[in-house]
C-alpha atoms as a PDB file:
ATOM      1  CA  UNK A   1      -0.054   0.000   0.028  1.00  0.00           C
ATOM      2  CA  UNK A   2       1.219   3.484  -0.763  1.00  0.00           C
ATOM      3  CA  UNK A   3      -0.149   6.592   0.972  1.00  0.00           C
ATOM      4  CA  UNK A   4       0.077  10.530   0.709  1.00  0.00           C
ATOM      5  CA  UNK A   5      -0.040  12.922   3.727  1.00  0.00           C
ATOM      6  CA  UNK A   6      -1.465  16.312   2.854  1.00  0.00           C
ATOM      7  CA  UNK A   7      -1.593  19.173   5.497  1.00  0.00           C
ATOM      8  CA  UNK A   8      -2.827  22.524   6.247  1.00  0.00           C
ATOM      9  CA  UNK A   9      -0.638  24.122   8.923  1.00  0.00           C
ATOM     10  CA  UNK A  10      -0.842  27.500  10.659  1.00  0.00           C
ATOM     11  CA  UNK A  11       1.555  27.596  13.360  1.00  0.00           C
ATOM     12  CA  UNK A  12       3.753  23.979  12.223  1.00  0.00           C
ATOM     13  CA  UNK A  13       1.794  21.727  14.831  1.00  0.00           C
ATOM     14  CA  UNK A  14      -0.057  20.326  11.857  1.00  0.00           C
ATOM     15  CA  UNK A  15       3.331  19.973   9.686  1.00  0.00           C
ATOM     16  CA  UNK A  16       5.112  18.065  12.507  1.00  0.00           C
ATOM     17  CA  UNK A  17       2.260  15.869  13.352  1.00  0.00           C
ATOM     18  CA  UNK A  18       2.272  15.088   9.421  1.00  0.00           C
ATOM     19  CA  UNK A  19       5.759  14.376   9.489  1.00  0.00           C
ATOM     20  CA  UNK A  20       5.589  12.033  12.197  1.00  0.00           C
ATOM     21  CA  UNK A  21       2.410  10.436  10.884  1.00  0.00           C
ATOM     22  CA  UNK A  22       4.507   9.827   7.561  1.00  0.00           C
ATOM     23  CA  UNK A  23       7.312   8.365   9.436  1.00  0.00           C
ATOM     24  CA  UNK A  24       5.162   6.061  11.520  1.00  0.00           C
ATOM     25  CA  UNK A  25       3.491   4.844   8.475  1.00  0.00           C
ATOM     26  CA  UNK A  26       6.660   3.750   6.820  1.00  0.00           C
ATOM     27  CA  UNK A  27       7.589   2.032  10.300  1.00  0.00           C
ATOM     28  CA  UNK A  28       4.313   0.188   9.719  1.00  0.00           C
ATOM     29  CA  UNK A  29       5.202  -1.023   6.211  1.00  0.00           C
ATOM     30  CA  UNK A  30       2.981   1.440   4.316  1.00  0.00           C
ATOM     31  CA  UNK A  31       5.287   3.312   1.635  1.00  0.00           C
ATOM     32  CA  UNK A  32       4.806   7.017   1.611  1.00  0.00           C
ATOM     33  CA  UNK A  33       4.726   8.852  -1.788  1.00  0.00           C
ATOM     34  CA  UNK A  34       5.029  12.554  -0.273  1.00  0.00           C
ATOM     35  CA  UNK A  35       4.283  14.769   2.744  1.00  0.00           C
ATOM     36  CA  UNK A  36       3.176  17.971   1.133  1.00  0.00           C
ATOM     37  CA  UNK A  37       1.323  21.071   2.080  1.00  0.00           C
ATOM     38  CA  UNK A  38      -2.373  21.616   0.653  1.00  0.00           C
ATOM     39  CA  UNK A  39      -0.956  24.565  -1.301  1.00  0.00           C
ATOM     40  CA  UNK A  40       1.632  22.342  -2.954  1.00  0.00           C
ATOM     41  CA  UNK A  41       0.294  18.915  -3.356  1.00  0.00           C
ATOM     42  CA  UNK A  42       2.612  16.790  -5.479  1.00  0.00           C
ATOM     43  CA  UNK A  43      -0.205  15.393  -7.866  1.00  0.00           C
ATOM     44  CA  UNK A  44       1.486  12.603  -9.226  1.00  0.00           C
ATOM     45  CA  UNK A  45       2.040  10.980  -5.587  1.00  0.00           C
ATOM     46  CA  UNK A  46      -1.445  11.496  -5.005  1.00  0.00           C
ATOM     47  CA  UNK A  47      -2.120   9.655  -8.458  1.00  0.00           C
ATOM     48  CA  UNK A  48      -0.052   6.861  -7.197  1.00  0.00           C
ATOM     49  CA  UNK A  49      -1.362   6.545  -3.506  1.00  0.00           C
ATOM     50  CA  UNK A  50      -3.923   4.302  -2.530  1.00  0.00           C
ATOM     51  CA  UNK A  51      -4.357   6.125   1.051  1.00  0.00           C
ATOM     52  CA  UNK A  52      -4.806   9.737   1.412  1.00  0.00           C
ATOM     53  CA  UNK A  53      -4.044  11.136   4.847  1.00  0.00           C
ATOM     54  CA  UNK A  54      -5.182  14.822   5.559  1.00  0.00           C
ATOM     55  CA  UNK A  55      -4.621  16.980   8.284  1.00  0.00           C
ATOM     56  CA  UNK A  56      -5.523  20.618   9.283  1.00  0.00           C
ATOM     57  CA  UNK A  57      -5.741  22.475  12.531  1.00  0.00           C
ATOM     58  CA  UNK A  58      -8.995  23.393  14.102  1.00  0.00           C
ATOM     59  CA  UNK A  59     -10.209  27.075  13.475  1.00  0.00           C
ATOM     60  CA  UNK A  60     -13.246  28.909  15.184  1.00  0.00           C
ATOM     61  CA  UNK A  61     -14.171  29.706  18.848  1.00  0.00           C
ATOM     62  CA  UNK A  62     -12.967  27.761  21.630  1.00  0.00           C
ATOM     63  CA  UNK A  63     -16.159  26.274  22.931  1.00  0.00           C
ATOM     64  CA  UNK A  64     -18.127  26.330  19.433  1.00  0.00           C
ATOM     65  CA  UNK A  65     -18.055  26.947  15.839  1.00  0.00           C
ATOM     66  CA  UNK A  66     -14.978  24.597  15.410  1.00  0.00           C
ATOM     67  CA  UNK A  67     -14.026  23.909  11.652  1.00  0.00           C
ATOM     68  CA  UNK A  68     -11.126  22.540   9.721  1.00  0.00           C
ATOM     69  CA  UNK A  69      -8.634  25.546   9.152  1.00  0.00           C
ATOM     70  CA  UNK A  70      -7.192  27.146   6.166  1.00  0.00           C
ATOM     71  CA  UNK A  71      -7.603  26.334   2.666  1.00  0.00           C
ATOM     72  CA  UNK A  72      -8.598  22.729   3.259  1.00  0.00           C
ATOM     73  CA  UNK A  73     -11.251  23.341   0.256  1.00  0.00           C
ATOM     74  CA  UNK A  74      -8.347  23.348  -2.041  1.00  0.00           C
ATOM     75  CA  UNK A  75      -8.134  19.261  -1.528  1.00  0.00           C
ATOM     76  CA  UNK A  76      -8.294  17.882  -4.872  1.00  0.00           C
ATOM     77  CA  UNK A  77     -10.700  15.002  -6.219  1.00  0.00           C
ATOM     78  CA  UNK A  78      -9.778  11.907  -4.766  1.00  0.00           C
ATOM     79  CA  UNK A  79     -11.969   9.146  -6.315  1.00  0.00           C
ATOM     80  CA  UNK A  80     -11.376   5.660  -5.465  1.00  0.00           C
ATOM     81  CA  UNK A  81      -8.952   6.222  -2.825  1.00  0.00           C
ATOM     82  CA  UNK A  82      -9.222   5.288   0.822  1.00  0.00           C
ATOM     83  CA  UNK A  83      -8.879   8.560   3.105  1.00  0.00           C
ATOM     84  CA  UNK A  84      -8.114   9.186   6.579  1.00  0.00           C
ATOM     85  CA  UNK A  85      -8.273  12.711   8.402  1.00  0.00           C
ATOM     86  CA  UNK A  86      -6.768  14.263  11.248  1.00  0.00           C
ATOM     87  CA  UNK A  87      -6.814  17.811  12.986  1.00  0.00           C
ATOM     88  CA  UNK A  88      -4.446  19.248  15.777  1.00  0.00           C
ATOM     89  CA  UNK A  89      -6.249  21.372  18.379  1.00  0.00           C
ATOM     90  CA  UNK A  90      -5.450  23.124  21.501  1.00  0.00           C
ATOM     91  CA  UNK A  91      -8.836  23.053  23.301  1.00  0.00           C
ATOM     92  CA  UNK A  92     -11.577  21.172  21.788  1.00  0.00           C
ATOM     93  CA  UNK A  93     -11.878  19.909  18.061  1.00  0.00           C
ATOM     94  CA  UNK A  94     -15.487  20.121  18.180  1.00  0.00           C
ATOM     95  CA  UNK A  95     -17.007  18.507  14.885  1.00  0.00           C
ATOM     96  CA  UNK A  96     -14.024  19.143  12.890  1.00  0.00           C
ATOM     97  CA  UNK A  97     -13.129  15.806  12.025  1.00  0.00           C
ATOM     98  CA  UNK A  98     -16.947  15.065  10.875  1.00  0.00           C
ATOM     99  CA  UNK A  99     -16.484  17.887   8.644  1.00  0.00           C
ATOM    100  CA  UNK A 100     -13.538  16.685   7.213  1.00  0.00           C
ATOM    101  CA  UNK A 101     -14.798  13.419   6.475  1.00  0.00           C
ATOM    102  CA  UNK A 102     -17.874  15.132   4.455  1.00  0.00           C
ATOM    103  CA  UNK A 103     -15.185  17.402   2.725  1.00  0.00           C
ATOM    104  CA  UNK A 104     -13.257  13.955   1.741  1.00  0.00           C
ATOM    105  CA  UNK A 105     -16.382  11.970   0.615  1.00  0.00           C
ATOM    106  CA  UNK A 106     -17.442  15.265  -1.637  1.00  0.00           C
ATOM    107  CA  UNK A 107     -14.153  14.865  -3.462  1.00  0.00           C
ATOM    108  CA  UNK A 108     -14.749  11.167  -3.939  1.00  0.00           C
ATOM    109  CA  UNK A 109     -12.418   9.350  -1.540  1.00  0.00           C
ATOM    110  CA  UNK A 110     -13.801   6.654   0.844  1.00  0.00           C
ATOM    111  CA  UNK A 111     -13.464   8.240   4.542  1.00  0.00           C
ATOM    112  CA  UNK A 112     -12.039   5.793   6.948  1.00  0.00           C
ATOM    113  CA  UNK A 113     -12.453   8.171   9.781  1.00  0.00           C
ATOM    114  CA  UNK A 114     -10.220  10.325  11.578  1.00  0.00           C
ATOM    115  CA  UNK A 115      -8.129  11.213  14.864  1.00  0.00           C
ATOM    116  CA  UNK A 116      -8.053  14.596  16.558  1.00  0.00           C
ATOM    117  CA  UNK A 117      -4.452  15.479  17.989  1.00  0.00           C
ATOM    118  CA  UNK A 118      -3.722  17.582  20.890  1.00  0.00           C
ATOM    119  CA  UNK A 119      -1.063  20.164  20.088  1.00  0.00           C
ATOM    120  CA  UNK A 120       0.769  19.317  23.492  1.00  0.00           C
ATOM    121  CA  UNK A 121       0.802  15.405  22.203  1.00  0.00           C
ATOM    122  CA  UNK A 122       1.696  15.728  18.619  1.00  0.00           C
ATOM    123  CA  UNK A 123       4.118  12.838  18.837  1.00  0.00           C
ATOM    124  CA  UNK A 124       1.947  10.282  20.994  1.00  0.00           C
ATOM    125  CA  UNK A 125      -1.245  11.320  19.179  1.00  0.00           C
ATOM    126  CA  UNK A 126       0.396  10.741  15.634  1.00  0.00           C
ATOM    127  CA  UNK A 127       1.586   7.274  16.728  1.00  0.00           C
ATOM    128  CA  UNK A 128      -1.984   6.602  18.214  1.00  0.00           C
ATOM    129  CA  UNK A 129      -3.751   7.831  14.761  1.00  0.00           C
ATOM    130  CA  UNK A 130      -1.424   5.376  12.838  1.00  0.00           C
ATOM    131  CA  UNK A 131      -1.829   2.450  14.562  1.00  0.00           C
ATOM    132  CA  UNK A 132      -5.799   2.751  14.569  1.00  0.00           C
ATOM    133  CA  UNK A 133      -5.397   3.457  10.696  1.00  0.00           C
ATOM    134  CA  UNK A 134      -3.169   0.784  10.066  1.00  0.00           C
ATOM    135  CA  UNK A 135      -5.660  -1.693  12.057  1.00  0.00           C
ATOM    136  CA  UNK A 136      -8.593  -0.404   9.884  1.00  0.00           C
ATOM    137  CA  UNK A 137      -6.524  -0.415   6.281  1.00  0.00           C
ATOM    138  CA  UNK A 138      -4.816  -3.748   6.970  1.00  0.00           C
ATOM    139  CA  UNK A 139      -7.990  -5.583   8.041  1.00  0.00           C
END
Protein backbone atom coordinates (compact mmCIF):
# COMPACT_ATOMS: atom_id res chain seq x y z
CA UNK A 1 0.00 0.00 0.00
CA UNK A 2 1.16 3.54 -0.68
CA UNK A 3 0.04 6.79 0.91
CA UNK A 4 0.32 10.53 0.63
CA UNK A 5 0.07 12.88 3.60
CA UNK A 6 -1.41 16.29 2.80
CA UNK A 7 -1.69 18.95 5.48
CA UNK A 8 -2.67 22.53 6.19
CA UNK A 9 -0.65 24.09 9.02
CA UNK A 10 -0.90 27.49 10.64
CA UNK A 11 1.71 27.39 13.42
CA UNK A 12 3.68 24.29 12.45
CA UNK A 13 1.92 21.82 14.74
CA UNK A 14 0.00 20.11 11.95
CA UNK A 15 3.14 20.01 9.77
CA UNK A 16 5.03 18.28 12.61
CA UNK A 17 2.17 15.84 13.14
CA UNK A 18 2.10 15.10 9.39
CA UNK A 19 5.82 14.32 9.38
CA UNK A 20 5.45 12.00 12.39
CA UNK A 21 2.45 10.30 10.77
CA UNK A 22 4.46 9.72 7.59
CA UNK A 23 7.35 8.23 9.61
CA UNK A 24 4.95 5.95 11.50
CA UNK A 25 3.27 4.83 8.28
CA UNK A 26 6.67 3.87 6.85
CA UNK A 27 7.52 2.02 10.07
CA UNK A 28 4.21 0.18 9.69
CA UNK A 29 5.08 -0.98 6.18
CA UNK A 30 3.21 1.65 4.16
CA UNK A 31 5.12 3.41 1.41
CA UNK A 32 4.73 7.17 1.66
CA UNK A 33 4.79 8.84 -1.75
CA UNK A 34 4.98 12.40 -0.37
CA UNK A 35 4.26 14.68 2.55
CA UNK A 36 3.09 18.05 1.27
CA UNK A 37 1.10 21.13 2.21
CA UNK A 38 -2.29 21.63 0.57
CA UNK A 39 -0.81 24.62 -1.27
CA UNK A 40 1.83 22.46 -3.01
CA UNK A 41 0.29 19.02 -3.55
CA UNK A 42 2.38 16.52 -5.49
CA UNK A 43 -0.32 15.40 -7.93
CA UNK A 44 1.79 12.54 -9.28
CA UNK A 45 2.16 11.16 -5.76
CA UNK A 46 -1.55 11.66 -5.18
CA UNK A 47 -2.35 9.69 -8.33
CA UNK A 48 -0.09 6.80 -7.23
CA UNK A 49 -1.28 6.69 -3.60
CA UNK A 50 -4.01 4.33 -2.51
CA UNK A 51 -4.43 6.07 0.85
CA UNK A 52 -4.71 9.82 1.43
CA UNK A 53 -4.05 11.11 4.94
CA UNK A 54 -5.27 14.67 5.28
CA UNK A 55 -4.69 16.95 8.25
CA UNK A 56 -5.48 20.47 9.33
CA UNK A 57 -5.69 22.65 12.38
CA UNK A 58 -8.92 23.50 14.14
CA UNK A 59 -10.29 26.96 13.48
CA UNK A 60 -13.16 28.67 15.29
CA UNK A 61 -14.11 29.76 18.75
CA UNK A 62 -13.00 27.87 21.82
CA UNK A 63 -16.34 26.35 22.78
CA UNK A 64 -18.27 26.26 19.49
CA UNK A 65 -17.96 26.82 15.77
CA UNK A 66 -14.90 24.62 15.32
CA UNK A 67 -14.10 23.74 11.72
CA UNK A 68 -11.17 22.68 9.57
CA UNK A 69 -8.77 25.57 9.28
CA UNK A 70 -7.18 27.30 6.35
CA UNK A 71 -7.43 26.29 2.73
CA UNK A 72 -8.78 22.76 3.14
CA UNK A 73 -11.31 23.35 0.38
CA UNK A 74 -8.37 23.12 -2.04
CA UNK A 75 -8.27 19.36 -1.59
CA UNK A 76 -8.49 17.85 -5.08
CA UNK A 77 -10.65 14.99 -6.31
CA UNK A 78 -9.71 11.62 -4.85
CA UNK A 79 -12.08 9.19 -6.55
CA UNK A 80 -11.44 5.59 -5.57
CA UNK A 81 -9.01 6.36 -2.76
CA UNK A 82 -9.29 5.61 0.92
CA UNK A 83 -8.81 8.70 3.05
CA UNK A 84 -8.26 9.39 6.73
CA UNK A 85 -8.35 12.76 8.44
CA UNK A 86 -6.54 14.21 11.42
CA UNK A 87 -6.68 17.58 13.08
CA UNK A 88 -4.51 19.32 15.62
CA UNK A 89 -6.18 21.36 18.32
CA UNK A 90 -5.52 23.31 21.51
CA UNK A 91 -8.77 23.09 23.51
CA UNK A 92 -11.57 21.23 21.74
CA UNK A 93 -11.78 19.88 18.17
CA UNK A 94 -15.59 20.03 18.17
CA UNK A 95 -17.05 18.52 14.98
CA UNK A 96 -13.97 19.22 12.86
CA UNK A 97 -13.35 15.57 11.99
CA UNK A 98 -16.95 15.00 10.90
CA UNK A 99 -16.68 18.06 8.65
CA UNK A 100 -13.42 16.73 7.23
CA UNK A 101 -15.01 13.35 6.49
CA UNK A 102 -17.77 15.13 4.58
CA UNK A 103 -15.20 17.11 2.62
CA UNK A 104 -13.23 13.97 1.73
CA UNK A 105 -16.39 12.13 0.67
CA UNK A 106 -17.40 15.14 -1.42
CA UNK A 107 -14.05 14.80 -3.23
CA UNK A 108 -14.84 11.15 -4.04
CA UNK A 109 -12.75 9.46 -1.36
CA UNK A 110 -13.85 6.69 0.98
CA UNK A 111 -13.45 8.24 4.46
CA UNK A 112 -11.99 5.88 7.05
CA UNK A 113 -12.56 8.20 9.98
CA UNK A 114 -10.11 10.41 11.75
CA UNK A 115 -8.29 11.37 14.87
CA UNK A 116 -7.93 14.60 16.85
CA UNK A 117 -4.41 15.28 18.12
CA UNK A 118 -3.84 17.69 20.98
CA UNK A 119 -1.02 20.09 20.14
CA UNK A 120 0.70 19.21 23.43
CA UNK A 121 0.78 15.51 22.48
CA UNK A 122 1.73 15.63 18.78
CA UNK A 123 4.07 12.63 18.75
CA UNK A 124 1.95 10.33 20.91
CA UNK A 125 -1.26 11.38 19.17
CA UNK A 126 0.26 10.87 15.73
CA UNK A 127 1.47 7.40 16.67
CA UNK A 128 -1.93 6.45 18.07
CA UNK A 129 -3.64 7.71 14.91
CA UNK A 130 -1.38 5.58 12.70
CA UNK A 131 -1.84 2.51 14.91
CA UNK A 132 -5.61 2.84 14.56
CA UNK A 133 -5.38 3.62 10.85
CA UNK A 134 -3.20 0.59 10.10
CA UNK A 135 -5.76 -1.58 11.90
CA UNK A 136 -8.45 -0.33 9.51
CA UNK A 137 -6.58 -0.38 6.19
CA UNK A 138 -4.90 -3.72 6.82
CA UNK A 139 -8.07 -5.42 8.08
